[in-house]
């Protein structure tokens, strides 16, 4: 699996905020990759559901509180990353 990456829906932002989409995607992706790396390093056989929950919690903890509060990712995508962690497919 390639590195995890967050892509924001371009239709979900106002024109005034569109210029912030790329930096925000970079920040979210960085927080997701850091969380995935930490979880992968400490993975001890937890079920996918637990890994997915931890992935979301740890990604949010790596964000500014205002951004974390508004971050509602596609949980199917987060669970795909969790499955890759469980299967040892996530690389940094």
Protein backbone atom coordinates (compact mmCIF):
# COMPACT_ATOMS: atom_id res chain seq x y z
CA UNK A 1 0.00 0.00 0.00
CA UNK A 2 1.23 3.50 -0.78
CA UNK A 3 1.55 6.12 1.94
CA UNK A 4 -1.79 7.17 3.42
CA UNK A 5 -3.06 10.48 2.06
CA UNK A 6 -6.09 12.64 2.82
CA UNK A 7 -7.90 14.28 -0.09
CA UNK A 8 -10.58 16.86 0.62
CA UNK A 9 -13.70 17.09 -1.50
CA UNK A 10 -13.15 20.22 -3.60
CA UNK A 11 -16.89 20.86 -3.64
CA UNK A 12 -16.99 20.94 0.14
CA UNK A 13 -15.06 24.19 0.51
CA UNK A 14 -16.18 27.75 -0.13
CA UNK A 15 -14.27 29.65 -2.82
CA UNK A 16 -12.59 31.70 -0.05
CA UNK A 17 -11.26 28.52 1.57
CA UNK A 18 -10.29 26.73 -1.65
CA UNK A 19 -6.79 28.27 -1.51
CA UNK A 20 -6.28 26.51 1.83
CA UNK A 21 -7.25 23.05 0.52
CA UNK A 22 -3.75 21.91 -0.46
CA UNK A 23 -2.00 23.00 2.79
CA UNK A 24 -4.84 21.46 4.81
CA UNK A 25 -4.59 18.19 2.85
CA UNK A 26 -0.86 18.16 3.54
CA UNK A 27 -1.39 18.72 7.27
CA UNK A 28 -4.08 16.03 7.48
CA UNK A 29 -2.01 13.56 5.47
CA UNK A 30 1.04 14.21 7.63
CA UNK A 31 -0.97 13.59 10.81
CA UNK A 32 -2.43 10.39 9.30
CA UNK A 33 1.01 9.08 8.25
CA UNK A 34 2.49 9.84 11.69
CA UNK A 35 -0.42 8.05 13.38
CA UNK A 36 -0.10 5.07 11.03
CA UNK A 37 3.66 4.87 11.72
CA UNK A 38 3.14 4.94 15.51
CA UNK A 39 0.39 2.33 15.39
CA UNK A 40 2.34 0.09 13.01
CA UNK A 41 5.41 0.29 15.25
CA UNK A 42 3.41 -0.76 18.31
CA UNK A 43 0.99 -3.15 16.61
CA UNK A 44 0.43 -6.23 18.76
CA UNK A 45 -2.35 -8.14 17.04
CA UNK A 46 -5.31 -5.86 17.82
CA UNK A 47 -8.40 -6.30 15.63
CA UNK A 48 -8.92 -4.05 12.61
CA UNK A 49 -11.77 -2.18 14.33
CA UNK A 50 -9.49 -1.20 17.22
CA UNK A 51 -6.70 -0.17 14.85
CA UNK A 52 -9.16 1.95 12.83
CA UNK A 53 -10.41 3.72 15.98
CA UNK A 54 -6.86 4.34 17.20
CA UNK A 55 -5.87 5.62 13.77
CA UNK A 56 -8.65 8.22 13.89
CA UNK A 57 -7.89 9.19 17.50
CA UNK A 58 -4.15 9.52 16.91
CA UNK A 59 -4.62 11.42 13.65
CA UNK A 60 -6.89 13.91 15.41
CA UNK A 61 -4.42 14.25 18.29
CA UNK A 62 -1.79 15.36 15.76
CA UNK A 63 -3.95 18.23 14.52
CA UNK A 64 -4.76 21.68 15.85
CA UNK A 65 -7.89 21.28 18.04
CA UNK A 66 -10.04 23.41 15.69
CA UNK A 67 -9.03 21.30 12.69
CA UNK A 68 -9.41 18.05 14.62
CA UNK A 69 -12.93 19.02 15.67
CA UNK A 70 -14.02 19.53 12.06
CA UNK A 71 -12.17 16.52 10.66
CA UNK A 72 -14.70 13.89 9.59
CA UNK A 73 -12.81 11.48 7.35
CA UNK A 74 -14.18 8.79 5.11
CA UNK A 75 -14.10 5.92 7.60
CA UNK A 76 -13.97 3.35 4.80
CA UNK A 77 -10.65 4.86 3.76
CA UNK A 78 -9.39 4.93 7.37
CA UNK A 79 -10.35 1.28 7.76
CA UNK A 80 -8.44 0.42 4.57
CA UNK A 81 -5.35 1.96 6.18
CA UNK A 82 -6.07 -0.02 9.36
CA UNK A 83 -6.34 -3.24 7.35
CA UNK A 84 -3.00 -2.45 5.70
CA UNK A 85 -1.45 -1.96 9.16
CA UNK A 86 -2.86 -5.27 10.36
CA UNK A 87 -1.53 -6.98 7.22
CA UNK A 88 1.82 -5.16 7.60
CA UNK A 89 1.38 -3.37 4.25
CA UNK A 90 1.89 0.24 5.39
CA UNK A 91 5.37 1.55 4.65
CA UNK A 92 6.94 4.85 5.58
